[in-house]
C-alpha atoms as a PDB file:
ATOM      1  CA  MET A   1       0.000   0.000   0.000  1.00  0.00           C
ATOM      2  CA  SER A   2       1.407   3.363  -1.039  1.00  0.00           C
ATOM      3  CA  THR A   3       1.098   6.398   1.164  1.00  0.00           C
ATOM      4  CA  THR A   4       0.317   9.604  -0.698  1.00  0.00           C
ATOM      5  CA  PHE A   5       1.682  12.914   0.502  1.00  0.00           C
ATOM      6  CA  ARG A   6       0.644  16.416  -0.198  1.00  0.00           C
ATOM      7  CA  PRO A   7       3.524  18.408  -1.697  1.00  0.00           C
ATOM      8  CA  GLU A   8       4.294  20.127   1.622  1.00  0.00           C
ATOM      9  CA  ARG A   9       4.553  16.867   3.533  1.00  0.00           C
ATOM     10  CA  ALA A  10       6.548  15.224   0.751  1.00  0.00           C
ATOM     11  CA  SER A  11       8.912  18.182   0.653  1.00  0.00           C
ATOM     12  CA  GLU A  12       9.466  18.012   4.398  1.00  0.00           C
ATOM     13  CA  ALA A  13      10.020  14.239   4.307  1.00  0.00           C
ATOM     14  CA  ILE A  14      12.518  14.529   1.439  1.00  0.00           C
ATOM     15  CA  HIS A  15      14.325  17.371   3.214  1.00  0.00           C
ATOM     16  CA  GLU A  16      14.738  15.271   6.358  1.00  0.00           C
ATOM     17  CA  ALA A  17      15.752  12.159   4.422  1.00  0.00           C
ATOM     18  CA  VAL A  18      18.411  13.954   2.362  1.00  0.00           C
ATOM     19  CA  ALA A  19      19.863  15.639   5.451  1.00  0.00           C
ATOM     20  CA  GLN A  20      20.037  12.296   7.253  1.00  0.00           C
ATOM     21  CA  ILE A  21      21.573  10.535   4.232  1.00  0.00           C
ATOM     22  CA  LEU A  22      24.247  13.221   3.928  1.00  0.00           C
ATOM     23  CA  ARG A  23      25.058  12.994   7.642  1.00  0.00           C
ATOM     24  CA  GLY A  24      25.291   9.258   7.897  1.00  0.00           C
ATOM     25  CA  GLU A  25      25.749   7.584   4.539  1.00  0.00           C
ATOM     26  CA  VAL A  26      27.602   9.815   2.086  1.00  0.00           C
ATOM     27  CA  SER A  27      31.334   9.582   2.619  1.00  0.00           C
ATOM     28  CA  ASP A  28      32.422  12.249   0.121  1.00  0.00           C
ATOM     29  CA  PRO A  29      34.418  14.822   2.135  1.00  0.00           C
ATOM     30  CA  ARG A  30      33.187  17.610  -0.162  1.00  0.00           C
ATOM     31  CA  LEU A  31      29.716  17.150   1.340  1.00  0.00           C
ATOM     32  CA  GLN A  32      30.749  17.096   5.008  1.00  0.00           C
ATOM     33  CA  HIS A  33      30.026  20.784   5.580  1.00  0.00           C
ATOM     34  CA  VAL A  34      26.817  20.974   3.560  1.00  0.00           C
ATOM     35  CA  THR A  35      23.584  21.961   5.281  1.00  0.00           C
ATOM     36  CA  ILE A  36      20.253  21.336   3.583  1.00  0.00           C
ATOM     37  CA  THR A  37      18.144  24.473   3.996  1.00  0.00           C
ATOM     38  CA  ARG A  38      14.909  23.620   2.197  1.00  0.00           C
ATOM     39  CA  CYS A  39      13.237  21.454  -0.388  1.00  0.00           C
ATOM     40  CA  GLU A  40      10.748  22.510  -3.037  1.00  0.00           C
ATOM     41  CA  ILE A  41       8.695  19.918  -4.879  1.00  0.00           C
ATOM     42  CA  THR A  42       6.352  20.175  -7.843  1.00  0.00           C
ATOM     43  CA  ASP A  43       2.635  19.591  -7.306  1.00  0.00           C
ATOM     44  CA  ASP A  44       2.803  16.253  -9.124  1.00  0.00           C
ATOM     45  CA  LEU A  45       5.730  15.192  -6.862  1.00  0.00           C
ATOM     46  CA  SER A  46       7.931  14.369  -9.859  1.00  0.00           C
ATOM     47  CA  PHE A  47      10.727  16.889  -9.306  1.00  0.00           C
ATOM     48  CA  ALA A  48      12.363  18.123  -6.098  1.00  0.00           C
ATOM     49  CA  ARG A  49      14.805  20.996  -5.838  1.00  0.00           C
ATOM     50  CA  ILE A  50      17.004  20.674  -2.757  1.00  0.00           C
ATOM     51  CA  HIS A  51      18.626  23.904  -1.539  1.00  0.00           C
ATOM     52  CA  TYR A  52      21.832  23.820   0.486  1.00  0.00           C
ATOM     53  CA  VAL A  53      24.579  26.017   1.916  1.00  0.00           C
ATOM     54  CA  VAL A  54      28.229  25.298   2.640  1.00  0.00           C
ATOM     55  CA  ARG A  55      30.320  26.474   5.545  1.00  0.00           C
ATOM     56  CA  ASP A  56      32.801  28.345   3.359  1.00  0.00           C
ATOM     57  CA  ASP A  57      32.432  29.753  -0.172  1.00  0.00           C
ATOM     58  CA  SER A  58      35.604  27.945  -1.200  1.00  0.00           C
ATOM     59  CA  GLU A  59      33.734  24.645  -0.692  1.00  0.00           C
ATOM     60  CA  ARG A  60      30.883  25.532  -3.056  1.00  0.00           C
ATOM     61  CA  GLU A  61      32.432  24.204  -6.291  1.00  0.00           C
ATOM     62  CA  GLY A  62      33.440  20.922  -4.646  1.00  0.00           C
ATOM     63  CA  ALA A  63      29.903  20.487  -3.311  1.00  0.00           C
ATOM     64  CA  ILE A  64      28.455  20.997  -6.798  1.00  0.00           C
ATOM     65  CA  GLN A  65      30.699  18.277  -8.204  1.00  0.00           C
ATOM     66  CA  ALA A  66      30.021  15.944  -5.286  1.00  0.00           C
ATOM     67  CA  PHE A  67      26.254  16.335  -5.642  1.00  0.00           C
ATOM     68  CA  GLU A  68      26.499  15.512  -9.360  1.00  0.00           C
ATOM     69  CA  LYS A  69      28.246  12.271  -8.449  1.00  0.00           C
ATOM     70  CA  ALA A  70      26.093  11.395  -5.404  1.00  0.00           C
ATOM     71  CA  THR A  71      22.630  12.298  -6.744  1.00  0.00           C
ATOM     72  CA  PRO A  72      21.755   8.778  -8.038  1.00  0.00           C
ATOM     73  CA  PHE A  73      22.689   7.241  -4.674  1.00  0.00           C
ATOM     74  CA  ILE A  74      20.801   9.912  -2.709  1.00  0.00           C
ATOM     75  CA  ARG A  75      17.732   9.523  -4.942  1.00  0.00           C
ATOM     76  CA  ARG A  76      17.724   5.752  -4.457  1.00  0.00           C
ATOM     77  CA  ARG A  77      17.994   6.150  -0.679  1.00  0.00           C
ATOM     78  CA  VAL A  78      15.226   8.786  -0.650  1.00  0.00           C
ATOM     79  CA  GLY A  79      13.060   6.253  -2.483  1.00  0.00           C
ATOM     80  CA  GLU A  80      13.727   3.728   0.268  1.00  0.00           C
ATOM     81  CA  GLU A  81      13.084   6.222   3.095  1.00  0.00           C
ATOM     82  CA  VAL A  82      10.105   8.202   1.787  1.00  0.00           C
ATOM     83  CA  GLN A  83       7.031   6.285   0.728  1.00  0.00           C
ATOM     84  CA  LEU A  84       6.044   7.851  -2.587  1.00  0.00           C
ATOM     85  CA  ARG A  85       4.551   6.202  -5.632  1.00  0.00           C
ATOM     86  CA  VAL A  86       7.362   7.612  -7.798  1.00  0.00           C
ATOM     87  CA  VAL A  87      10.680   8.901  -6.493  1.00  0.00           C
ATOM     88  CA  PRO A  88      11.124  12.476  -7.725  1.00  0.00           C
ATOM     89  CA  GLU A  89      14.096  13.620  -9.766  1.00  0.00           C
ATOM     90  CA  LEU A  90      16.444  15.487  -7.449  1.00  0.00           C
ATOM     91  CA  SER A  91      18.236  18.705  -8.250  1.00  0.00           C
ATOM     92  CA  PHE A  92      20.650  20.350  -5.822  1.00  0.00           C
ATOM     93  CA  ARG A  93      20.953  24.145  -5.815  1.00  0.00           C
ATOM     94  CA  TYR A  94      23.084  26.451  -3.734  1.00  0.00           C
ATOM     95  CA  ASP A  95      20.790  28.571  -1.537  1.00  0.00           C
ATOM     96  CA  LYS A  96      21.628  32.202  -2.253  1.00  0.00           C
ATOM     97  CA  GLY A  97      19.011  33.452   0.213  1.00  0.00           C
ATOM     98  CA  ILE A  98      21.384  33.363   3.165  1.00  0.00           C
ATOM     99  CA  ASP A  99      24.077  35.211   1.197  1.00  0.00           C
ATOM    100  CA  ASN A 100      21.515  37.800   0.124  1.00  0.00           C
ATOM    101  CA  ALA A 101      20.330  38.309   3.704  1.00  0.00           C
ATOM    102  CA  ALA A 102      23.923  38.754   4.881  1.00  0.00           C
ATOM    103  CA  ARG A 103      24.533  41.314   2.137  1.00  0.00           C
ATOM    104  CA  VAL A 104      21.408  43.293   3.112  1.00  0.00           C
ATOM    105  CA  GLU A 105      22.521  43.210   6.759  1.00  0.00           C
ATOM    106  CA  GLU A 106      25.959  44.452   5.727  1.00  0.00           C
ATOM    107  CA  LEU A 107      24.448  47.298   3.728  1.00  0.00           C
ATOM    108  CA  LEU A 108      22.091  48.268   6.530  1.00  0.00           C
ATOM    109  CA  SER A 109      24.862  48.286   9.107  1.00  0.00           C
ATOM    110  CA  GLY A 110      26.773  50.777   6.970  1.00  0.00           C
ATOM    111  CA  LEU A 111      23.955  53.305   6.968  1.00  0.00           C
ATOM    112  CA  PRO A 112      24.088  56.143   9.462  1.00  0.00           C
ATOM    113  CA  GLU A 113      21.560  55.897  12.254  1.00  0.00           C
ATOM    114  CA  LEU A 114      18.532  58.112  11.951  1.00  0.00           C
ATOM    115  CA  LYS A 115      18.050  60.413  14.899  1.00  0.00           C
ATOM    116  CA  LYS A 116      14.576  61.217  16.077  1.00  0.00           C
ATOM    117  CA  ASP A 117      13.706  64.821  16.758  1.00  0.00           C
ATOM    118  CA  GLU A 118      12.487  65.327  20.288  1.00  0.00           C
END
């Protein structure tokens, strides 16, 4: 019997499964400092985009290459962990949101403080 998930629940389950697989089963050192930030999945559950960050920008290129190599293994393990009728295609993307937030914070901190008139 197959359990069906709504996209939100499937996304959450895939996010947790990928994070766990990376922590415990993937031995590639280029993925040791990767953190999965979120997962987006299409409404038909056929494609999942996994967003991640790395500890240091110098590790980003190595993570891209490692994900290209490890994606078939991770997809197979997700299929074993998450009960879906069809295992979605996985795509790994660097999450620029955290970098963007840091840049906004940096810009805001450089602005002079506004003084209120009393």
